Amino acid sequence: MNPTSSQFFFKHKGEFSFFAVLSGLIGTSVVVRLFPEWAPLWMGVLQTGFEAGTVGGAADWLAVKMIFDEIKIGRWRIVPASGIIPRKQKAIAQGAGKLVANEWLSRESIGKMLSQIDVSDAMAEMLASMHRKGETTALVRWLMNKFFEFLEQPAMQEKLSALAKEKLADIRISRWIGQHLNNGRVRELMNRLIPFLADKFIAALSTKEAYDLIYEKMAEERGGFFKQLFFDPADATDKTIIKLTRFLEDIQYDEFHPLRERLNELTLDWAQKLMDDRSTAAVDVNELGRGLIQNVDTEAWIQRMIQNIRNNFDDQIRSDESVLNKMIREGIERLIGRLKSDAELKSEINRKILNLVGELLARHHHRIGEMVEENILRLSPEAIKEQFKSRTYDDMQWIRVNGAVAGFAIGIVIGLIRALF
């Protein structure tokens, strides 16, 4: 028997067993009835065996048939209990849902299984695999792009703009300035600001416009005859410009010039007053700050800020050797190491994840049974019958084989008893 024939035989073993005993019954019955004088005693025994085997095979065929199909003549079901699976689909669905949810996948069994899982190790292995394949950078890029898309929505930018104005209005600019203006910072600020301003003033004094303006003011001071006789506006203008220039140069290059020291003292005194919200200086600075904030286009500022951050992020993420990519790689490697070796972190992660899963399981465990029931009810009667058949029909064929064989054996026993008595 070749493999194809063997497969065909085992697939239809129930039919072959029934055909064998039925053929035996027909053959022995013909011999016993038509040629009784030729039929030995054992032929009657065989006839009884084949008869019982035929009855057993037929009864088991009917039993198996009744499980999957209704036994009908036309539209009438002649066997009341036939077609169990298609007729009891709803009951099967409910029973299967309860069995799976309450027995096979009960809360206790799932909880016991979860308690044996090392979530920290699983996370470490997953991250390590993603890291080897270069997928962590892609994941960070995807997450950040989604975050930027969320921030770029007009409604979100409007909310961020309103929030920025609200929070900026609450800032006490005076107090912030006062806190940051200590002696060292004031001196550093003045050492930069005063030379810069002095240089600009000196440059302005050397212009023709400045000379003409000073000369005009000097000419207005000529006074009477004797004063006009000895007073030269041009000479006075030159001397004034020279003195002012020398004075400014002294301030510019002498870090400890008395005027610079006095300006430092006045600035520190002003900074101290800014710390008191009730002082005139603090009130004036805060009012000025609020006025400036109200005129700031915070929405446009936020748009530019988000775009600049996004552009910088894109530039960084494209280059494997960028600071950002190096930070991501180092961070992932450190995290993998901690997930594997840090006992306290492992315990904390396992506890939190299992608690979360436990809460979700307790809240939604009933959905397991409902899902099983819904999936079974979604199938057509033919589909559910075919699913059961594909998984159980081969074993049920053995019931038919066993029925025929057992019936034949019992029939032989009955035939022997008849022959003896």
Protein backbone atom coordinates (compact mmCIF):
# COMPACT_ATOMS: atom_id res chain seq x y z
CA MET A 1 0.00 0.00 0.00
CA ASN A 2 1.54 3.28 -1.11
CA PRO A 3 1.48 6.37 1.17
CA THR A 4 -1.43 7.95 -0.68
CA SER A 5 -3.53 4.81 -0.37
CA SER A 6 -2.55 4.46 3.29
CA GLN A 7 -3.63 8.05 4.00
CA PHE A 8 -6.94 7.48 2.22
CA PHE A 9 -7.56 4.29 4.19
CA PHE A 10 -6.87 5.90 7.59
CA LYS A 11 -8.97 8.91 6.70
CA HIS A 12 -11.95 6.68 5.95
CA LYS A 13 -11.23 3.89 8.41
CA GLY A 14 -14.75 4.11 9.86
CA GLU A 15 -16.33 3.50 6.45
CA PHE A 16 -13.91 0.63 5.71
CA SER A 17 -14.60 -1.08 9.05
CA PHE A 18 -18.36 -0.83 8.56
CA PHE A 19 -18.03 -2.04 4.94
CA ALA A 20 -15.93 -5.02 6.12
CA VAL A 21 -18.45 -6.26 8.73
CA LEU A 22 -21.42 -5.55 6.45
CA SER A 23 -19.75 -7.51 3.62
CA GLY A 24 -19.01 -10.34 6.05
CA LEU A 25 -22.65 -10.37 7.22
CA ILE A 26 -23.93 -10.48 3.63
CA GLY A 27 -21.49 -13.21 2.63
CA THR A 28 -22.11 -15.49 5.62
CA SER A 29 -25.87 -14.92 5.44
CA VAL A 30 -25.91 -15.96 1.78
CA VAL A 31 -23.95 -19.12 2.53
CA VAL A 32 -26.03 -20.08 5.58
CA ARG A 33 -29.37 -19.38 3.87
CA LEU A 34 -28.73 -20.78 0.42
CA PHE A 35 -26.41 -23.63 1.24
CA PRO A 36 -27.26 -24.73 4.76
CA GLU A 37 -25.99 -28.24 4.09
CA TRP A 38 -22.55 -26.84 3.18
CA ALA A 39 -22.36 -24.32 6.00
CA PRO A 40 -20.35 -25.64 8.93
CA LEU A 41 -21.09 -24.62 12.51
CA TRP A 42 -18.43 -21.95 12.62
CA MET A 43 -20.10 -20.20 9.66
CA GLY A 44 -23.12 -19.49 11.85
CA VAL A 45 -20.83 -18.16 14.58
CA LEU A 46 -19.20 -15.84 12.06
CA GLN A 47 -22.61 -14.71 10.83
CA THR A 48 -23.59 -13.75 14.38
CA GLY A 49 -20.28 -11.87 14.81
CA PHE A 50 -20.68 -9.95 11.56
CA GLU A 51 -24.27 -9.19 12.42
CA ALA A 52 -23.33 -7.71 15.81
CA GLY A 53 -20.40 -5.85 14.22
CA THR A 54 -22.73 -4.33 11.62
CA VAL A 55 -25.17 -3.22 14.31
CA GLY A 56 -22.32 -1.77 16.44
CA GLY A 57 -20.73 0.03 13.47
CA ALA A 58 -24.08 1.43 12.33
CA ALA A 59 -25.00 2.56 15.84
CA ASP A 60 -21.65 4.29 16.32
CA TRP A 61 -21.90 5.88 12.86
CA LEU A 62 -25.29 7.27 13.87
CA ALA A 63 -23.89 8.50 17.20
CA VAL A 64 -20.98 10.31 15.53
CA LYS A 65 -23.28 11.65 12.82
CA MET A 66 -25.69 13.01 15.43
CA ILE A 67 -22.94 15.09 17.02
CA PHE A 68 -22.30 17.10 13.85
CA ASP A 69 -25.39 16.79 11.66
CA GLU A 70 -29.12 16.66 12.03
CA ILE A 71 -30.69 13.42 10.79
CA LYS A 72 -33.51 14.62 8.56
CA ILE A 73 -35.90 13.51 5.92
CA GLY A 74 -36.65 16.64 3.98
CA ARG A 75 -37.21 19.37 6.54
CA TRP A 76 -38.15 16.98 9.32
CA ARG A 77 -35.59 15.89 11.93
CA ILE A 78 -36.30 12.23 12.48
CA VAL A 79 -33.77 11.85 15.33
CA PRO A 80 -34.62 14.45 18.03
CA ALA A 81 -31.15 14.80 19.57
CA SER A 82 -29.17 14.96 16.33
CA GLY A 83 -27.05 17.96 15.26
CA ILE A 84 -25.76 18.71 18.76
CA ILE A 85 -22.96 21.13 17.78
CA PRO A 86 -24.88 23.41 15.36
CA ARG A 87 -28.03 23.39 17.53
CA LYS A 88 -26.18 24.03 20.79
CA GLN A 89 -23.78 26.66 19.44
CA LYS A 90 -24.86 29.31 21.97
CA ALA A 91 -24.64 26.90 24.91
CA ILE A 92 -21.25 25.68 23.69
CA ALA A 93 -20.05 29.29 23.37
CA GLN A 94 -21.21 30.17 26.90
CA GLY A 95 -19.78 26.97 28.35
CA ALA A 96 -16.45 27.40 26.57
CA GLY A 97 -16.23 31.03 27.72
CA LYS A 98 -16.84 30.07 31.35
CA LEU A 99 -14.47 27.10 31.14
CA VAL A 100 -11.63 29.19 29.69
CA ALA A 101 -12.16 32.18 32.00
CA ASN A 102 -12.88 30.32 35.25
CA GLU A 103 -10.73 27.20 34.88
CA TRP A 104 -8.07 27.31 32.18
CA LEU A 105 -7.27 31.04 32.41
CA SER A 106 -8.51 31.87 35.90
CA ARG A 107 -7.16 34.92 37.71
CA GLU A 108 -5.21 32.69 40.03
CA SER A 109 -3.55 30.68 37.25
CA ILE A 110 -2.65 33.80 35.26
CA GLY A 111 -1.37 35.51 38.41
CA LYS A 112 0.75 32.48 39.26
CA MET A 113 2.18 32.41 35.74
CA LEU A 114 2.94 36.16 35.80
CA SER A 115 4.65 35.90 39.18
CA GLN A 116 7.17 33.52 37.62
CA ILE A 117 8.10 35.98 34.86
CA ASP A 118 11.11 38.25 35.35
CA VAL A 119 9.78 41.36 33.62
CA SER A 120 13.03 43.24 34.13
CA ASP A 121 15.07 40.56 32.35
CA ALA A 122 12.51 40.40 29.54
CA MET A 123 12.71 44.17 29.10
CA ALA A 124 16.50 44.03 29.10
CA GLU A 125 16.54 41.30 26.43
CA MET A 126 14.04 43.20 24.30
CA LEU A 127 16.02 46.45 24.55
CA ALA A 128 19.29 44.62 23.83
CA SER A 129 17.79 43.02 20.72
CA MET A 130 16.44 46.36 19.50
CA HIS A 131 19.77 48.01 20.27
CA ARG A 132 21.71 45.41 18.24
CA LYS A 133 19.41 45.97 15.28
CA GLY A 134 19.65 49.77 15.57
CA GLU A 135 15.92 50.05 16.30
CA THR A 136 16.21 52.15 19.47
CA THR A 137 17.23 55.26 17.54
CA ALA A 138 14.35 54.71 15.11
CA LEU A 139 11.98 54.35 18.08
CA VAL A 140 13.24 57.59 19.65
CA ARG A 141 12.87 59.35 16.27
CA TRP A 142 9.31 58.06 15.89
CA LEU A 143 8.32 59.05 19.43
CA MET A 144 9.82 62.54 19.10
CA ASN A 145 8.17 63.12 15.70
CA LYS A 146 4.81 62.20 17.21
CA PHE A 147 5.52 64.55 20.11
CA PHE A 148 6.42 67.42 17.78
CA GLU A 149 3.32 66.76 15.65
CA PHE A 150 1.26 67.00 18.83
CA LEU A 151 2.92 70.30 19.81
CA GLU A 152 2.50 71.76 16.31
CA GLN A 153 -1.27 71.44 16.33
CA PRO A 154 -2.84 74.95 16.22
CA ALA A 155 -5.04 74.24 19.23
CA MET A 156 -2.04 73.06 21.28
CA GLN A 157 0.07 76.08 20.30
CA GLU A 158 -2.78 78.37 21.28
CA LYS A 159 -2.96 76.69 24.69
CA LEU A 160 0.82 76.87 25.13
CA SER A 161 0.76 80.58 24.19
CA ALA A 162 -1.96 81.35 26.75
CA LEU A 163 -0.13 79.31 29.40
CA ALA A 164 3.16 81.06 28.64
CA LYS A 165 1.59 84.52 29.01
CA GLU A 166 -0.13 83.49 32.23
CA LYS A 167 3.05 82.08 33.78
CA LEU A 168 5.26 84.93 32.56
CA ALA A 169 2.85 87.47 34.08
CA ASP A 170 3.30 85.78 37.46
CA ILE A 171 7.07 86.14 37.35
CA ARG A 172 8.47 88.81 39.67
CA ILE A 173 11.15 90.16 37.36
CA SER A 174 12.36 92.56 40.05
CA ARG A 175 13.00 89.76 42.53
CA TRP A 176 14.78 87.68 39.86
CA ILE A 177 17.02 90.64 38.93
CA GLY A 178 17.69 91.42 42.58
CA GLN A 179 18.68 87.82 43.34
CA HIS A 180 21.16 87.71 40.45
CA LEU A 181 22.79 91.09 40.99
CA ASN A 182 25.36 90.44 43.69
CA ASN A 183 28.60 92.41 44.07
CA GLY A 184 30.63 90.18 41.75
CA ARG A 185 28.04 90.18 38.99
CA VAL A 186 27.44 93.91 39.22
CA ARG A 187 31.17 94.60 38.91
CA GLU A 188 31.45 92.17 35.99
CA LEU A 189 28.47 93.81 34.30
CA MET A 190 29.84 97.32 34.81
CA ASN A 191 33.30 96.28 33.58
CA ARG A 192 31.68 95.35 30.31
CA LEU A 193 29.01 98.00 30.04
CA ILE A 194 30.92 101.17 31.03
CA PRO A 195 33.90 100.68 28.67
CA PHE A 196 31.48 99.95 25.87
CA LEU A 197 29.42 103.07 26.56
CA ALA A 198 32.50 105.23 27.07
CA ASP A 199 33.92 104.08 23.74
CA LYS A 200 30.66 104.93 22.00
CA PHE A 201 30.56 108.40 23.64
CA ILE A 202 34.16 109.12 22.63
CA ALA A 203 33.35 108.10 19.07
CA ALA A 204 30.28 110.37 19.12
CA LEU A 205 32.33 113.35 20.43
CA SER A 206 34.75 113.05 17.52
CA THR A 207 32.01 113.64 14.96
CA LYS A 208 31.30 116.99 13.29
CA GLU A 209 27.70 116.88 14.53
CA ALA A 210 28.88 116.81 18.14
CA TYR A 211 31.40 119.60 17.53
CA ASP A 212 28.75 121.83 15.92
CA LEU A 213 26.28 121.20 18.72
CA ILE A 214 28.82 122.05 21.47
CA TYR A 215 30.08 125.08 19.49
CA GLU A 216 26.49 126.36 19.21
CA LYS A 217 25.99 126.09 22.96
CA MET A 218 29.32 127.81 23.64
CA ALA A 219 28.48 130.68 21.28
CA GLU A 220 25.32 131.34 23.27
CA GLU A 221 27.48 132.01 26.34
CA ARG A 222 29.51 135.01 24.94
CA GLY A 223 27.85 137.55 27.24
CA GLY A 224 28.96 141.25 27.26
CA PHE A 225 31.70 143.18 25.44
CA PHE A 226 34.64 142.16 27.61
CA LYS A 227 33.53 138.54 27.70
CA GLN A 228 33.25 138.56 23.92
CA LEU A 229 36.68 140.14 23.70
CA PHE A 230 38.42 137.33 25.58
CA PHE A 231 36.05 134.35 24.88
CA ASP A 232 36.63 132.16 21.80
CA PRO A 233 33.76 129.62 21.25
CA ALA A 234 35.88 127.45 18.95
CA ASP A 235 38.70 127.22 21.48
CA ALA A 236 36.19 126.51 24.27
CA THR A 237 34.60 123.80 22.16
CA ASP A 238 37.96 122.11 21.48
CA LYS A 239 38.90 122.21 25.15
CA THR A 240 35.51 120.84 26.23
CA ILE A 241 35.73 117.94 23.78
CA ILE A 242 39.29 117.16 24.86
CA LYS A 243 38.37 117.19 28.57
CA LEU A 244 35.28 115.07 28.03
CA THR A 245 37.28 112.61 25.95
CA ARG A 246 40.01 112.34 28.62
CA PHE A 247 37.36 111.93 31.32
CA LEU A 248 35.65 109.17 29.38
CA GLU A 249 38.97 107.45 28.69
CA ASP A 250 39.74 107.52 32.40
CA ILE A 251 36.38 105.87 33.14
CA GLN A 252 36.91 103.43 30.27
CA TYR A 253 40.32 102.12 31.33
CA ASP A 254 40.33 102.62 35.12
CA GLU A 255 38.39 99.75 36.67
CA PHE A 256 38.47 101.43 40.08
CA HIS A 257 37.56 104.95 38.92
CA PRO A 258 35.51 106.73 41.62
CA LEU A 259 32.58 107.23 39.25
CA ARG A 260 32.56 103.53 38.36
CA GLU A 261 32.70 102.62 42.04
CA ARG A 262 29.80 104.95 42.74
CA LEU A 263 27.78 103.41 39.90
CA ASN A 264 28.48 99.95 41.37
CA GLU A 265 27.20 101.08 44.76
CA LEU A 266 24.05 102.63 43.29
CA THR A 267 23.35 99.50 41.25
CA LEU A 268 23.76 97.21 44.28
CA ASP A 269 21.49 99.48 46.31
CA TRP A 270 18.90 99.36 43.51
CA ALA A 271 19.18 95.56 43.40
CA GLN A 272 18.47 95.36 47.13
CA LYS A 273 15.34 97.47 46.65
CA LEU A 274 14.18 95.13 43.89
CA MET A 275 14.00 92.31 46.44
CA ASP A 276 11.19 94.16 48.22
CA ASP A 277 8.04 93.78 46.09
CA ARG A 278 6.54 96.88 47.72
CA SER A 279 9.38 99.21 46.79
CA THR A 280 8.95 101.73 44.00
CA ALA A 281 11.84 100.22 42.06
CA ALA A 282 10.32 96.71 42.21
CA VAL A 283 6.85 97.93 41.24
CA ASP A 284 8.24 99.91 38.29
CA VAL A 285 10.33 96.99 37.00
CA ASN A 286 7.46 94.51 37.35
CA GLU A 287 5.04 96.82 35.58
CA LEU A 288 7.57 97.29 32.78
CA GLY A 289 8.01 93.51 32.54
CA ARG A 290 4.26 92.84 32.38
CA GLY A 291 3.86 95.47 29.71
CA LEU A 292 6.60 93.90 27.61
CA ILE A 293 5.11 90.41 28.08
CA GLN A 294 1.66 91.50 26.94
CA ASN A 295 3.14 92.85 23.72
CA VAL A 296 5.15 89.70 23.01
CA ASP A 297 3.73 87.42 20.29
CA THR A 298 4.10 84.29 22.40
CA GLU A 299 2.41 82.04 19.83
CA ALA A 300 4.92 82.98 17.13
CA TRP A 301 7.73 82.67 19.66
CA ILE A 302 6.56 79.17 20.67
CA GLN A 303 6.25 78.15 16.99
CA ARG A 304 9.82 79.27 16.31
CA MET A 305 11.09 77.59 19.45
CA ILE A 306 9.41 74.26 18.60
CA GLN A 307 10.64 74.44 15.00
CA ASN A 308 14.18 75.24 16.10
CA ILE A 309 14.17 72.35 18.57
CA ARG A 310 12.78 70.01 15.92
CA ASN A 311 15.35 71.10 13.32
CA ASN A 312 18.16 70.64 15.81
CA PHE A 313 16.79 67.23 16.82
CA ASP A 314 16.55 66.13 13.16
CA ASP A 315 20.13 67.24 12.51
CA GLN A 316 21.34 65.35 15.57
CA ILE A 317 19.39 62.15 14.94
CA ARG A 318 20.62 61.83 11.33
CA SER A 319 24.26 61.58 12.33
CA ASP A 320 25.38 58.38 14.04
CA GLU A 321 28.23 60.25 15.70
CA SER A 322 26.13 63.17 16.95
CA VAL A 323 25.99 64.01 20.65
CA LEU A 324 22.31 63.00 20.80
CA ASN A 325 22.84 59.57 19.23
CA LYS A 326 25.80 58.91 21.50
CA MET A 327 23.67 59.88 24.50
CA ILE A 328 20.88 57.55 23.33
CA ARG A 329 23.27 54.62 22.86
CA GLU A 330 25.00 55.19 26.18
CA GLY A 331 21.68 55.64 27.96
CA ILE A 332 20.23 52.42 26.50
CA GLU A 333 23.38 50.47 27.39
CA ARG A 334 23.32 51.80 30.96
CA LEU A 335 19.62 50.97 31.26
CA ILE A 336 20.16 47.41 29.95
CA GLY A 337 22.98 46.94 32.45
CA ARG A 338 20.86 48.17 35.34
CA LEU A 339 17.87 46.05 34.31
CA LYS A 340 20.10 42.98 34.47
CA SER A 341 22.24 43.72 37.52
CA ASP A 342 20.47 46.23 39.79
CA ALA A 343 18.50 44.01 42.17
CA GLU A 344 16.57 46.91 43.68
CA LEU A 345 15.53 48.25 40.26
CA LYS A 346 14.60 44.75 39.04
CA SER A 347 12.43 44.18 42.09
CA GLU A 348 10.74 47.57 41.73
CA ILE A 349 10.00 47.10 38.01
CA ASN A 350 8.69 43.57 38.51
CA ARG A 351 6.48 44.72 41.37
CA LYS A 352 5.02 47.70 39.52
CA ILE A 353 4.46 45.87 36.23
CA LEU A 354 2.88 42.86 37.91
CA ASN A 355 0.69 45.12 40.05
CA LEU A 356 -0.42 46.98 36.93
CA VAL A 357 -1.13 43.73 35.06
CA GLY A 358 -2.91 42.38 38.12
CA GLU A 359 -5.16 45.45 38.31
CA LEU A 360 -5.94 45.24 34.59
CA LEU A 361 -6.62 41.51 34.90
CA ALA A 362 -8.95 42.01 37.86
CA ARG A 363 -10.80 44.76 36.01
CA HIS A 364 -11.08 43.04 32.63
CA HIS A 365 -10.83 39.30 33.38
CA HIS A 366 -14.48 38.79 32.45
CA ARG A 367 -13.59 39.88 28.92
CA ILE A 368 -11.71 36.58 28.39
CA GLY A 369 -14.90 34.55 28.64
CA GLU A 370 -16.89 37.14 26.68
CA MET A 371 -14.28 37.15 23.93
CA VAL A 372 -14.34 33.34 23.62
CA GLU A 373 -18.15 33.38 23.55
CA GLU A 374 -18.28 36.21 20.97
CA ASN A 375 -15.78 34.47 18.69
CA ILE A 376 -17.71 31.18 18.75
CA LEU A 377 -21.07 32.90 18.16
CA ARG A 378 -19.58 34.85 15.27
CA LEU A 379 -19.07 31.57 13.38
CA SER A 380 -21.78 30.13 11.15
CA PRO A 381 -23.20 26.69 12.12
CA GLU A 382 -21.33 25.15 9.20
CA ALA A 383 -18.07 26.83 10.20
CA ILE A 384 -18.20 25.73 13.83
CA LYS A 385 -19.14 22.20 12.72
CA GLU A 386 -16.13 22.09 10.38
CA GLN A 387 -13.82 23.40 13.13
CA PHE A 388 -14.92 20.65 15.51
CA LYS A 389 -14.73 18.06 12.74
CA SER A 390 -11.22 19.07 11.70
CA ARG A 391 -9.96 18.56 15.26
CA THR A 392 -12.02 15.57 16.46
CA TYR A 393 -13.40 13.66 13.49
CA ASP A 394 -10.34 11.45 13.08
CA ASP A 395 -10.63 10.25 16.68
CA MET A 396 -14.36 9.77 16.28
CA GLN A 397 -13.67 7.52 13.28
CA TRP A 398 -11.96 5.18 15.74
CA ILE A 399 -15.24 5.03 17.68
CA ARG A 400 -16.87 3.60 14.56
CA VAL A 401 -13.98 1.17 14.04
CA ASN A 402 -14.11 0.12 17.69
CA GLY A 403 -17.90 -0.26 17.48
CA ALA A 404 -17.61 -2.60 14.52
CA VAL A 405 -14.73 -4.60 16.05
CA ALA A 406 -16.31 -4.78 19.52
CA GLY A 407 -19.66 -5.73 18.03
CA PHE A 408 -18.01 -8.47 15.95
CA ALA A 409 -16.21 -9.84 19.02
CA ILE A 410 -19.39 -9.81 21.12
CA GLY A 411 -21.29 -11.42 18.23
CA ILE A 412 -18.68 -14.23 18.06
CA VAL A 413 -19.15 -14.86 21.77
CA ILE A 414 -22.93 -14.94 21.34
CA GLY A 415 -22.59 -17.24 18.32
CA LEU A 416 -20.36 -19.67 20.27
CA ILE A 417 -22.83 -19.74 23.13
CA ARG A 418 -25.65 -20.52 20.71
CA ALA A 419 -23.59 -23.26 19.07
CA LEU A 420 -22.78 -24.87 22.40
CA PHE A 421 -26.28 -24.83 23.78
